[in-house]
Amino acid sequence: MIVVVSSYKVLEEKIEEFKKISQEMAKESIESEEGVLRLDILQGDGDPGRFLFMEIYKNETARKQHLESPQFISWRRAVPEWFSQGSTSISYIPVHIDLK
């Protein structure tokens, strides 16, 4: 299992669009990609332009397949110009995750 946590800072005028396209991408990924176990999107409390994605993949192959999926490619093409600063992504090895 692999966990990736990504952080994005979105321009104020693009927040609603970012939420919509991100939710669509996450839903499609969960429904169509067996190796995507979880894709959570969190919005900053007190900083509505700050977003955190927590992605859980079955393995590295599943993560790479997600990066090549049509919904991710479409998302990735749309959103970079909406960022007010650079994004960060960090991979983690889970110690304990409950996927009920």
PDB file of N, CA and C in Angstrom:
ATOM      1  N   MET A   1       0.846  -1.170   0.000  1.00  0.00           N
ATOM      2  CA  MET A   1       0.000   0.000   0.000  1.00  0.00           C
ATOM      3  C   MET A   1       0.895   1.239   0.000  1.00  0.00           C
ATOM      4  N   ILE A   2       0.459   2.247  -0.741  1.00  0.00           N
ATOM      5  CA  ILE A   2       1.197   3.506  -0.830  1.00  0.00           C
ATOM      6  C   ILE A   2       0.222   4.654  -0.568  1.00  0.00           C
ATOM      7  N   VAL A   3       0.667   5.622   0.216  1.00  0.00           N
ATOM      8  CA  VAL A   3      -0.128   6.813   0.501  1.00  0.00           C
ATOM      9  C   VAL A   3       0.626   8.020  -0.047  1.00  0.00           C
ATOM     10  N   VAL A   4      -0.091   8.871  -0.774  1.00  0.00           N
ATOM     11  CA  VAL A   4       0.487  10.114  -1.275  1.00  0.00           C
ATOM     12  C   VAL A   4      -0.353  11.257  -0.722  1.00  0.00           C
ATOM     13  N   VAL A   5       0.323  12.232  -0.122  1.00  0.00           N
ATOM     14  CA  VAL A   5      -0.348  13.421   0.394  1.00  0.00           C
ATOM     15  C   VAL A   5       0.155  14.608  -0.414  1.00  0.00           C
ATOM     16  N   SER A   6      -0.787  15.316  -1.043  1.00  0.00           N
ATOM     17  CA  SER A   6      -0.447  16.461  -1.885  1.00  0.00           C
ATOM     18  C   SER A   6      -1.148  17.702  -1.362  1.00  0.00           C
ATOM     19  N   SER A   7      -0.443  18.829  -1.433  1.00  0.00           N
ATOM     20  CA  SER A   7      -0.973  20.095  -0.946  1.00  0.00           C
ATOM     21  C   SER A   7      -0.997  21.104  -2.091  1.00  0.00           C
ATOM     22  N   TYR A   8      -2.109  21.834  -2.193  1.00  0.00           N
ATOM     23  CA  TYR A   8      -2.281  22.829  -3.249  1.00  0.00           C
ATOM     24  C   TYR A   8      -2.834  24.112  -2.648  1.00  0.00           C
ATOM     25  N   LYS A   9      -2.384  25.240  -3.175  1.00  0.00           N
ATOM     26  CA  LYS A   9      -2.941  26.543  -2.812  1.00  0.00           C
ATOM     27  C   LYS A   9      -3.563  27.108  -4.086  1.00  0.00           C
ATOM     28  N   VAL A  10      -4.884  27.302  -4.052  1.00  0.00           N
ATOM     29  CA  VAL A  10      -5.653  27.661  -5.239  1.00  0.00           C
ATOM     30  C   VAL A  10      -6.064  29.130  -5.176  1.00  0.00           C
ATOM     31  N   LEU A  11      -6.020  29.789  -6.329  1.00  0.00           N
ATOM     32  CA  LEU A  11      -6.470  31.175  -6.419  1.00  0.00           C
ATOM     33  C   LEU A  11      -7.926  31.289  -5.966  1.00  0.00           C
ATOM     34  N   GLU A  12      -8.234  32.363  -5.261  1.00  0.00           N
ATOM     35  CA  GLU A  12      -9.571  32.539  -4.686  1.00  0.00           C
ATOM     36  C   GLU A  12     -10.674  32.408  -5.736  1.00  0.00           C
ATOM     37  N   GLU A  13     -10.455  32.998  -6.901  1.00  0.00           N
ATOM     38  CA  GLU A  13     -11.494  32.982  -7.937  1.00  0.00           C
ATOM     39  C   GLU A  13     -11.646  31.617  -8.626  1.00  0.00           C
ATOM     40  N   LYS A  14     -10.770  30.679  -8.325  1.00  0.00           N
ATOM     41  CA  LYS A  14     -10.813  29.349  -8.944  1.00  0.00           C
ATOM     42  C   LYS A  14     -11.195  28.238  -7.962  1.00  0.00           C
ATOM     43  N   ILE A  15     -11.477  28.586  -6.714  1.00  0.00           N
ATOM     44  CA  ILE A  15     -11.741  27.576  -5.681  1.00  0.00           C
ATOM     45  C   ILE A  15     -12.907  26.662  -6.053  1.00  0.00           C
ATOM     46  N   GLU A  16     -14.027  27.218  -6.453  1.00  0.00           N
ATOM     47  CA  GLU A  16     -15.205  26.390  -6.752  1.00  0.00           C
ATOM     48  C   GLU A  16     -14.956  25.486  -7.956  1.00  0.00           C
ATOM     49  N   GLU A  17     -14.307  26.015  -8.988  1.00  0.00           N
ATOM     50  CA  GLU A  17     -13.968  25.186 -10.157  1.00  0.00           C
ATOM     51  C   GLU A  17     -13.018  24.058  -9.760  1.00  0.00           C
ATOM     52  N   PHE A  18     -12.032  24.389  -8.935  1.00  0.00           N
ATOM     53  CA  PHE A  18     -11.066  23.386  -8.488  1.00  0.00           C
ATOM     54  C   PHE A  18     -11.772  22.282  -7.706  1.00  0.00           C
ATOM     55  N   LYS A  19     -12.666  22.658  -6.816  1.00  0.00           N
ATOM     56  CA  LYS A  19     -13.407  21.661  -6.036  1.00  0.00           C
ATOM     57  C   LYS A  19     -14.220  20.749  -6.954  1.00  0.00           C
ATOM     58  N   LYS A  20     -14.901  21.335  -7.920  1.00  0.00           N
ATOM     59  CA  LYS A  20     -15.761  20.556  -8.818  1.00  0.00           C
ATOM     60  C   LYS A  20     -14.944  19.560  -9.637  1.00  0.00           C
ATOM     61  N   ILE A  21     -13.915  20.024 -10.313  1.00  0.00           N
ATOM     62  CA  ILE A  21     -13.130  19.139 -11.175  1.00  0.00           C
ATOM     63  C   ILE A  21     -12.366  18.104 -10.343  1.00  0.00           C
ATOM     64  N   SER A  22     -11.938  18.472  -9.153  1.00  0.00           N
ATOM     65  CA  SER A  22     -11.214  17.535  -8.287  1.00  0.00           C
ATOM     66  C   SER A  22     -12.142  16.441  -7.768  1.00  0.00           C
ATOM     67  N   GLN A  23     -13.349  16.818  -7.378  1.00  0.00           N
ATOM     68  CA  GLN A  23     -14.325  15.828  -6.914  1.00  0.00           C
ATOM     69  C   GLN A  23     -14.698  14.864  -8.033  1.00  0.00           C
ATOM     70  N   GLU A  24     -14.860  15.377  -9.243  1.00  0.00           N
ATOM     71  CA  GLU A  24     -15.175  14.517 -10.389  1.00  0.00           C
ATOM     72  C   GLU A  24     -14.040  13.536 -10.648  1.00  0.00           C
ATOM     73  N   MET A  25     -12.806  14.036 -10.623  1.00  0.00           N
ATOM     74  CA  MET A  25     -11.642  13.178 -10.857  1.00  0.00           C
ATOM     75  C   MET A  25     -11.548  12.094  -9.790  1.00  0.00           C
ATOM     76  N   ALA A  26     -11.756  12.465  -8.536  1.00  0.00           N
ATOM     77  CA  ALA A  26     -11.666  11.496  -7.442  1.00  0.00           C
ATOM     78  C   ALA A  26     -12.741  10.420  -7.574  1.00  0.00           C
ATOM     79  N   LYS A  27     -13.961  10.830  -7.857  1.00  0.00           N
ATOM     80  CA  LYS A  27     -15.074   9.881  -7.991  1.00  0.00           C
ATOM     81  C   LYS A  27     -14.811   8.905  -9.137  1.00  0.00           C
ATOM     82  N   GLU A  28     -14.404   9.427 -10.293  1.00  0.00           N
ATOM     83  CA  GLU A  28     -14.113   8.569 -11.448  1.00  0.00           C
ATOM     84  C   GLU A  28     -12.966   7.613 -11.140  1.00  0.00           C
ATOM     85  N   SER A  29     -11.965   8.089 -10.434  1.00  0.00           N
ATOM     86  CA  SER A  29     -10.808   7.254 -10.105  1.00  0.00           C
ATOM     87  C   SER A  29     -11.208   6.097  -9.202  1.00  0.00           C
ATOM     88  N   ILE A  30     -11.990   6.385  -8.171  1.00  0.00           N
ATOM     89  CA  ILE A  30     -12.440   5.338  -7.247  1.00  0.00           C
ATOM     90  C   ILE A  30     -13.311   4.313  -7.974  1.00  0.00           C
ATOM     91  N   GLU A  31     -14.187   4.803  -8.849  1.00  0.00           N
ATOM     92  CA  GLU A  31     -15.114   3.910  -9.551  1.00  0.00           C
ATOM     93  C   GLU A  31     -14.444   3.070 -10.634  1.00  0.00           C
ATOM     94  N   SER A  32     -13.439   3.621 -11.306  1.00  0.00           N
ATOM     95  CA  SER A  32     -12.890   2.930 -12.478  1.00  0.00           C
ATOM     96  C   SER A  32     -11.514   2.306 -12.279  1.00  0.00           C
ATOM     97  N   GLU A  33     -10.818   2.658 -11.202  1.00  0.00           N
ATOM     98  CA  GLU A  33      -9.465   2.148 -10.988  1.00  0.00           C
ATOM     99  C   GLU A  33      -9.440   1.261  -9.745  1.00  0.00           C
ATOM    100  N   GLU A  34      -9.281  -0.020  -9.966  1.00  0.00           N
ATOM    101  CA  GLU A  34      -9.280  -0.985  -8.868  1.00  0.00           C
ATOM    102  C   GLU A  34      -8.185  -0.697  -7.839  1.00  0.00           C
ATOM    103  N   GLY A  35      -7.055  -0.182  -8.291  1.00  0.00           N
ATOM    104  CA  GLY A  35      -5.926   0.047  -7.399  1.00  0.00           C
ATOM    105  C   GLY A  35      -5.989   1.326  -6.589  1.00  0.00           C
ATOM    106  N   VAL A  36      -6.958   2.201  -6.890  1.00  0.00           N
ATOM    107  CA  VAL A  36      -7.154   3.414  -6.090  1.00  0.00           C
ATOM    108  C   VAL A  36      -8.106   3.036  -4.959  1.00  0.00           C
ATOM    109  N   LEU A  37      -7.560   2.922  -3.758  1.00  0.00           N
ATOM    110  CA  LEU A  37      -8.354   2.492  -2.614  1.00  0.00           C
ATOM    111  C   LEU A  37      -9.100   3.644  -1.956  1.00  0.00           C
ATOM    112  N   ARG A  38      -8.499   4.824  -2.042  1.00  0.00           N
ATOM    113  CA  ARG A  38      -9.105   5.988  -1.394  1.00  0.00           C
ATOM    114  C   ARG A  38      -8.504   7.243  -2.007  1.00  0.00           C
ATOM    115  N   LEU A  39      -9.332   8.280  -2.181  1.00  0.00           N
ATOM    116  CA  LEU A  39      -8.839   9.559  -2.675  1.00  0.00           C
ATOM    117  C   LEU A  39      -9.665  10.642  -1.983  1.00  0.00           C
ATOM    118  N   ASP A  40      -9.142  11.127  -0.868  1.00  0.00           N
ATOM    119  CA  ASP A  40      -9.836  12.131  -0.056  1.00  0.00           C
ATOM    120  C   ASP A  40      -9.339  13.523  -0.417  1.00  0.00           C
ATOM    121  N   ILE A  41     -10.263  14.475  -0.440  1.00  0.00           N
ATOM    122  CA  ILE A  41      -9.932  15.871  -0.712  1.00  0.00           C
ATOM    123  C   ILE A  41     -10.387  16.689   0.490  1.00  0.00           C
ATOM    124  N   LEU A  42      -9.456  17.433   1.069  1.00  0.00           N
ATOM    125  CA  LEU A  42      -9.745  18.253   2.248  1.00  0.00           C
ATOM    126  C   LEU A  42      -9.493  19.718   1.906  1.00  0.00           C
ATOM    127  N   GLN A  43     -10.348  20.599   2.417  1.00  0.00           N
ATOM    128  CA  GLN A  43     -10.208  22.034   2.213  1.00  0.00           C
ATOM    129  C   GLN A  43      -9.841  22.683   3.535  1.00  0.00           C
ATOM    130  N   GLY A  44      -8.942  23.650   3.479  1.00  0.00           N
ATOM    131  CA  GLY A  44      -8.481  24.309   4.691  1.00  0.00           C
ATOM    132  C   GLY A  44      -9.599  25.000   5.455  1.00  0.00           C
ATOM    133  N   ASP A  45      -9.628  24.810   6.748  1.00  0.00           N
ATOM    134  CA  ASP A  45     -10.565  25.487   7.632  1.00  0.00           C
ATOM    135  C   ASP A  45      -9.924  26.820   7.996  1.00  0.00           C
ATOM    136  N   GLY A  46     -10.495  27.902   7.507  1.00  0.00           N
ATOM    137  CA  GLY A  46      -9.895  29.212   7.726  1.00  0.00           C
ATOM    138  C   GLY A  46      -9.036  29.659   6.555  1.00  0.00           C
ATOM    139  N   ASP A  47      -8.744  28.760   5.629  1.00  0.00           N
ATOM    140  CA  ASP A  47      -7.990  29.080   4.413  1.00  0.00           C
ATOM    141  C   ASP A  47      -8.619  28.286   3.268  1.00  0.00           C
ATOM    142  N   PRO A  48      -9.728  28.789   2.705  1.00  0.00           N
ATOM    143  CA  PRO A  48     -10.483  28.021   1.721  1.00  0.00           C
ATOM    144  C   PRO A  48      -9.728  27.716   0.429  1.00  0.00           C
ATOM    145  N   GLY A  49      -8.623  28.386   0.189  1.00  0.00           N
ATOM    146  CA  GLY A  49      -7.826  28.109  -1.000  1.00  0.00           C
ATOM    147  C   GLY A  49      -6.794  27.013  -0.800  1.00  0.00           C
ATOM    148  N   ARG A  50      -6.676  26.505   0.409  1.00  0.00           N
ATOM    149  CA  ARG A  50      -5.699  25.449   0.726  1.00  0.00           C
ATOM    150  C   ARG A  50      -6.392  24.095   0.647  1.00  0.00           C
ATOM    151  N   PHE A  51      -5.831  23.192  -0.154  1.00  0.00           N
ATOM    152  CA  PHE A  51      -6.397  21.849  -0.319  1.00  0.00           C
ATOM    153  C   PHE A  51      -5.336  20.799  -0.051  1.00  0.00           C
ATOM    154  N   LEU A  52      -5.790  19.702   0.515  1.00  0.00           N
ATOM    155  CA  LEU A  52      -4.927  18.558   0.792  1.00  0.00           C
ATOM    156  C   LEU A  52      -5.605  17.325   0.200  1.00  0.00           C
ATOM    157  N   PHE A  53      -4.863  16.587  -0.609  1.00  0.00           N
ATOM    158  CA  PHE A  53      -5.363  15.325  -1.163  1.00  0.00           C
ATOM    159  C   PHE A  53      -4.646  14.199  -0.445  1.00  0.00           C
ATOM    160  N   MET A  54      -5.401  13.203   0.001  1.00  0.00           N
ATOM    161  CA  MET A  54      -4.799  11.998   0.562  1.00  0.00           C
ATOM    162  C   MET A  54      -5.223  10.833  -0.325  1.00  0.00           C
ATOM    163  N   GLU A  55      -4.244  10.264  -1.010  1.00  0.00           N
ATOM    164  CA  GLU A  55      -4.498   9.203  -1.977  1.00  0.00           C
ATOM    165  C   GLU A  55      -3.903   7.902  -1.447  1.00  0.00           C
ATOM    166  N   ILE A  56      -4.690   6.838  -1.469  1.00  0.00           N
ATOM    167  CA  ILE A  56      -4.201   5.534  -1.027  1.00  0.00           C
ATOM    168  C   ILE A  56      -4.318   4.564  -2.196  1.00  0.00           C
ATOM    169  N   TYR A  57      -3.186   3.971  -2.532  1.00  0.00           N
ATOM    170  CA  TYR A  57      -3.107   3.041  -3.660  1.00  0.00           C
ATOM    171  C   TYR A  57      -2.742   1.649  -3.170  1.00  0.00           C
ATOM    172  N   LYS A  58      -3.213   0.662  -3.897  1.00  0.00           N
ATOM    173  CA  LYS A  58      -2.919  -0.734  -3.582  1.00  0.00           C
ATOM    174  C   LYS A  58      -1.415  -0.991  -3.626  1.00  0.00           C
ATOM    175  N   ASN A  59      -0.735  -0.389  -4.619  1.00  0.00           N
ATOM    176  CA  ASN A  59       0.706  -0.569  -4.790  1.00  0.00           C
ATOM    177  C   ASN A  59       1.235   0.506  -5.741  1.00  0.00           C
ATOM    178  N   GLU A  60       2.519   0.470  -6.008  1.00  0.00           N
ATOM    179  CA  GLU A  60       3.149   1.466  -6.881  1.00  0.00           C
ATOM    180  C   GLU A  60       2.607   1.382  -8.303  1.00  0.00           C
ATOM    181  N   THR A  61       2.324   0.187  -8.777  1.00  0.00           N
ATOM    182  CA  THR A  61       1.760   0.026 -10.120  1.00  0.00           C
ATOM    183  C   THR A  61       0.429   0.756 -10.227  1.00  0.00           C
ATOM    184  N   ALA A  62      -0.414   0.630  -9.216  1.00  0.00           N
ATOM    185  CA  ALA A  62      -1.714   1.314  -9.210  1.00  0.00           C
ATOM    186  C   ALA A  62      -1.534   2.829  -9.210  1.00  0.00           C
ATOM    187  N   ARG A  63      -0.555   3.317  -8.466  1.00  0.00           N
ATOM    188  CA  ARG A  63      -0.296   4.766  -8.446  1.00  0.00           C
ATOM    189  C   ARG A  63       0.108   5.250  -9.827  1.00  0.00           C
ATOM    190  N   LYS A  64       1.007   4.521 -10.477  1.00  0.00           N
ATOM    191  CA  LYS A  64       1.458   4.906 -11.823  1.00  0.00           C
ATOM    192  C   LYS A  64       0.313   4.837 -12.828  1.00  0.00           C
ATOM    193  N   GLN A  65      -0.539   3.826 -12.709  1.00  0.00           N
ATOM    194  CA  GLN A  65      -1.693   3.714 -13.606  1.00  0.00           C
ATOM    195  C   GLN A  65      -2.646   4.892 -13.412  1.00  0.00           C
ATOM    196  N   HIS A  66      -2.814   5.322 -12.176  1.00  0.00           N
ATOM    197  CA  HIS A  66      -3.674   6.479 -11.911  1.00  0.00           C
ATOM    198  C   HIS A  66      -3.128   7.723 -12.614  1.00  0.00           C
ATOM    199  N   LEU A  67      -1.825   7.906 -12.577  1.00  0.00           N
ATOM    200  CA  LEU A  67      -1.216   9.076 -13.215  1.00  0.00           C
ATOM    201  C   LEU A  67      -1.393   9.071 -14.726  1.00  0.00           C
ATOM    202  N   GLU A  68      -1.709   7.919 -15.296  1.00  0.00           N
ATOM    203  CA  GLU A  68      -1.931   7.792 -16.741  1.00  0.00           C
ATOM    204  C   GLU A  68      -3.416   7.680 -17.090  1.00  0.00           C
ATOM    205  N   SER A  69      -4.287   7.763 -16.104  1.00  0.00           N
ATOM    206  CA  SER A  69      -5.729   7.623 -16.350  1.00  0.00           C
ATOM    207  C   SER A  69      -6.278   8.882 -17.030  1.00  0.00           C
ATOM    208  N   PRO A  70      -7.311   8.720 -17.859  1.00  0.00           N
ATOM    209  CA  PRO A  70      -7.883   9.887 -18.553  1.00  0.00           C
ATOM    210  C   PRO A  70      -8.372  10.974 -17.601  1.00  0.00           C
ATOM    211  N   GLN A  71      -8.983  10.578 -16.490  1.00  0.00           N
ATOM    212  CA  GLN A  71      -9.509  11.589 -15.572  1.00  0.00           C
ATOM    213  C   GLN A  71      -8.393  12.363 -14.877  1.00  0.00           C
ATOM    214  N   PHE A  72      -7.281  11.690 -14.548  1.00  0.00           N
ATOM    215  CA  PHE A  72      -6.177  12.412 -13.927  1.00  0.00           C
ATOM    216  C   PHE A  72      -5.510  13.335 -14.943  1.00  0.00           C
ATOM    217  N   ILE A  73      -5.300  12.840 -16.161  1.00  0.00           N
ATOM    218  CA  ILE A  73      -4.666  13.667 -17.197  1.00  0.00           C
ATOM    219  C   ILE A  73      -5.502  14.916 -17.459  1.00  0.00           C
ATOM    220  N   SER A  74      -6.805  14.759 -17.552  1.00  0.00           N
ATOM    221  CA  SER A  74      -7.697  15.901 -17.764  1.00  0.00           C
ATOM    222  C   SER A  74      -7.604  16.887 -16.597  1.00  0.00           C
ATOM    223  N   TRP A  75      -7.616  16.367 -15.361  1.00  0.00           N
ATOM    224  CA  TRP A  75      -7.490  17.212 -14.169  1.00  0.00           C
ATOM    225  C   TRP A  75      -6.160  17.962 -14.191  1.00  0.00           C
ATOM    226  N   ARG A  76      -5.089  17.233 -14.456  1.00  0.00           N
ATOM    227  CA  ARG A  76      -3.745  17.823 -14.416  1.00  0.00           C
ATOM    228  C   ARG A  76      -3.562  18.911 -15.467  1.00  0.00           C
ATOM    229  N   ARG A  77      -4.209  18.760 -16.607  1.00  0.00           N
ATOM    230  CA  ARG A  77      -4.119  19.780 -17.661  1.00  0.00           C
ATOM    231  C   ARG A  77      -4.867  21.054 -17.274  1.00  0.00           C
ATOM    232  N   ALA A  78      -5.946  20.911 -16.522  1.00  0.00           N
ATOM    233  CA  ALA A  78      -6.805  22.053 -16.192  1.00  0.00           C
ATOM    234  C   ALA A  78      -6.292  22.897 -15.034  1.00  0.00           C
ATOM    235  N   VAL A  79      -5.732  22.269 -14.010  1.00  0.00           N
ATOM    236  CA  VAL A  79      -5.550  22.968 -12.735  1.00  0.00           C
ATOM    237  C   VAL A  79      -4.265  23.757 -12.511  1.00  0.00           C
ATOM    238  N   PRO A  80      -3.147  23.496 -13.177  1.00  0.00           N
ATOM    239  CA  PRO A  80      -1.912  24.202 -12.797  1.00  0.00           C
ATOM    240  C   PRO A  80      -2.012  25.725 -12.819  1.00  0.00           C
ATOM    241  N   GLU A  81      -2.755  26.279 -13.752  1.00  0.00           N
ATOM    242  CA  GLU A  81      -2.869  27.739 -13.817  1.00  0.00           C
ATOM    243  C   GLU A  81      -3.745  28.305 -12.700  1.00  0.00           C
ATOM    244  N   TRP A  82      -4.412  27.433 -11.952  1.00  0.00           N
ATOM    245  CA  TRP A  82      -5.267  27.870 -10.852  1.00  0.00           C
ATOM    246  C   TRP A  82      -4.506  27.946  -9.533  1.00  0.00           C
ATOM    247  N   PHE A  83      -3.261  27.511  -9.509  1.00  0.00           N
ATOM    248  CA  PHE A  83      -2.481  27.495  -8.268  1.00  0.00           C
ATOM    249  C   PHE A  83      -1.848  28.860  -8.023  1.00  0.00           C
ATOM    250  N   SER A  84      -1.926  29.330  -6.788  1.00  0.00           N
ATOM    251  CA  SER A  84      -1.294  30.602  -6.445  1.00  0.00           C
ATOM    252  C   SER A  84       0.143  30.400  -5.974  1.00  0.00           C
ATOM    253  N   GLN A  85       0.522  29.150  -5.731  1.00  0.00           N
ATOM    254  CA  GLN A  85       1.901  28.804  -5.395  1.00  0.00           C
ATOM    255  C   GLN A  85       2.122  27.344  -5.762  1.00  0.00           C
ATOM    256  N   GLY A  86       3.350  26.906  -5.709  1.00  0.00           N
ATOM    257  CA  GLY A  86       3.677  25.536  -6.089  1.00  0.00           C
ATOM    258  C   GLY A  86       2.988  24.498  -5.221  1.00  0.00           C
ATOM    259  N   SER A  87       2.831  23.321  -5.783  1.00  0.00           N
ATOM    260  CA  SER A  87       2.226  22.215  -5.038  1.00  0.00           C
ATOM    261  C   SER A  87       3.321  21.314  -4.474  1.00  0.00           C
ATOM    262  N   THR A  88       2.953  20.527  -3.477  1.00  0.00           N
ATOM    263  CA  THR A  88       3.888  19.547  -2.923  1.00  0.00           C
ATOM    264  C   THR A  88       3.197  18.194  -2.849  1.00  0.00           C
ATOM    265  N   SER A  89       3.957  17.137  -3.061  1.00  0.00           N
ATOM    266  CA  SER A  89       3.457  15.767  -2.914  1.00  0.00           C
ATOM    267  C   SER A  89       4.512  14.944  -2.198  1.00  0.00           C
ATOM    268  N   ILE A  90       4.072  14.190  -1.198  1.00  0.00           N
ATOM    269  CA  ILE A  90       4.981  13.341  -0.425  1.00  0.00           C
ATOM    270  C   ILE A  90       4.373  11.952  -0.353  1.00  0.00           C
ATOM    271  N   SER A  91       5.192  10.932  -0.633  1.00  0.00           N
ATOM    272  CA  SER A  91       4.745   9.541  -0.521  1.00  0.00           C
ATOM    273  C   SER A  91       5.070   9.012   0.865  1.00  0.00           C
ATOM    274  N   TYR A  92       4.161   8.201   1.388  1.00  0.00           N
ATOM    275  CA  TYR A  92       4.327   7.616   2.713  1.00  0.00           C
ATOM    276  C   TYR A  92       4.118   6.111   2.649  1.00  0.00           C
ATOM    277  N   ILE A  93       4.738   5.416   3.568  1.00  0.00           N
ATOM    278  CA  ILE A  93       4.492   3.994   3.778  1.00  0.00           C
ATOM    279  C   ILE A  93       3.583   3.906   4.996  1.00  0.00           C
ATOM    280  N   PRO A  94       2.401   3.316   4.862  1.00  0.00           N
ATOM    281  CA  PRO A  94       1.467   3.296   5.984  1.00  0.00           C
ATOM    282  C   PRO A  94       1.957   2.472   7.167  1.00  0.00           C
ATOM    283  N   VAL A  95       1.705   2.977   8.339  1.00  0.00           N
ATOM    284  CA  VAL A  95       1.945   2.247   9.577  1.00  0.00           C
ATOM    285  C   VAL A  95       0.629   1.606  10.014  1.00  0.00           C
ATOM    286  N   HIS A  96      -0.470   2.383   9.965  1.00  0.00           N
ATOM    287  CA  HIS A  96      -1.800   1.848  10.263  1.00  0.00           C
ATOM    288  C   HIS A  96      -2.832   2.646   9.478  1.00  0.00           C
ATOM    289  N   ILE A  97      -3.635   1.942   8.681  1.00  0.00           N
ATOM    290  CA  ILE A  97      -4.756   2.545   7.957  1.00  0.00           C
ATOM    291  C   ILE A  97      -5.928   1.587   8.071  1.00  0.00           C
ATOM    292  N   ASP A  98      -7.080   2.123   8.396  1.00  0.00           N
ATOM    293  CA  ASP A  98      -8.292   1.320   8.482  1.00  0.00           C
ATOM    294  C   ASP A  98      -9.175   1.678   7.296  1.00  0.00           C
ATOM    295  N   LEU A  99      -9.324   0.766   6.354  1.00  0.00           N
ATOM    296  CA  LEU A  99     -10.095   1.026   5.142  1.00  0.00           C
ATOM    297  C   LEU A  99     -11.482   0.383   5.186  1.00  0.00           C
ATOM    298  N   LYS A 100     -12.182   0.524   6.259  1.00  0.00           N
ATOM    299  CA  LYS A 100     -13.522  -0.078   6.382  1.00  0.00           C
ATOM    300  C   LYS A 100     -14.430   0.349   5.287  1.00  0.00           C
TER     301      LYS A 100
END
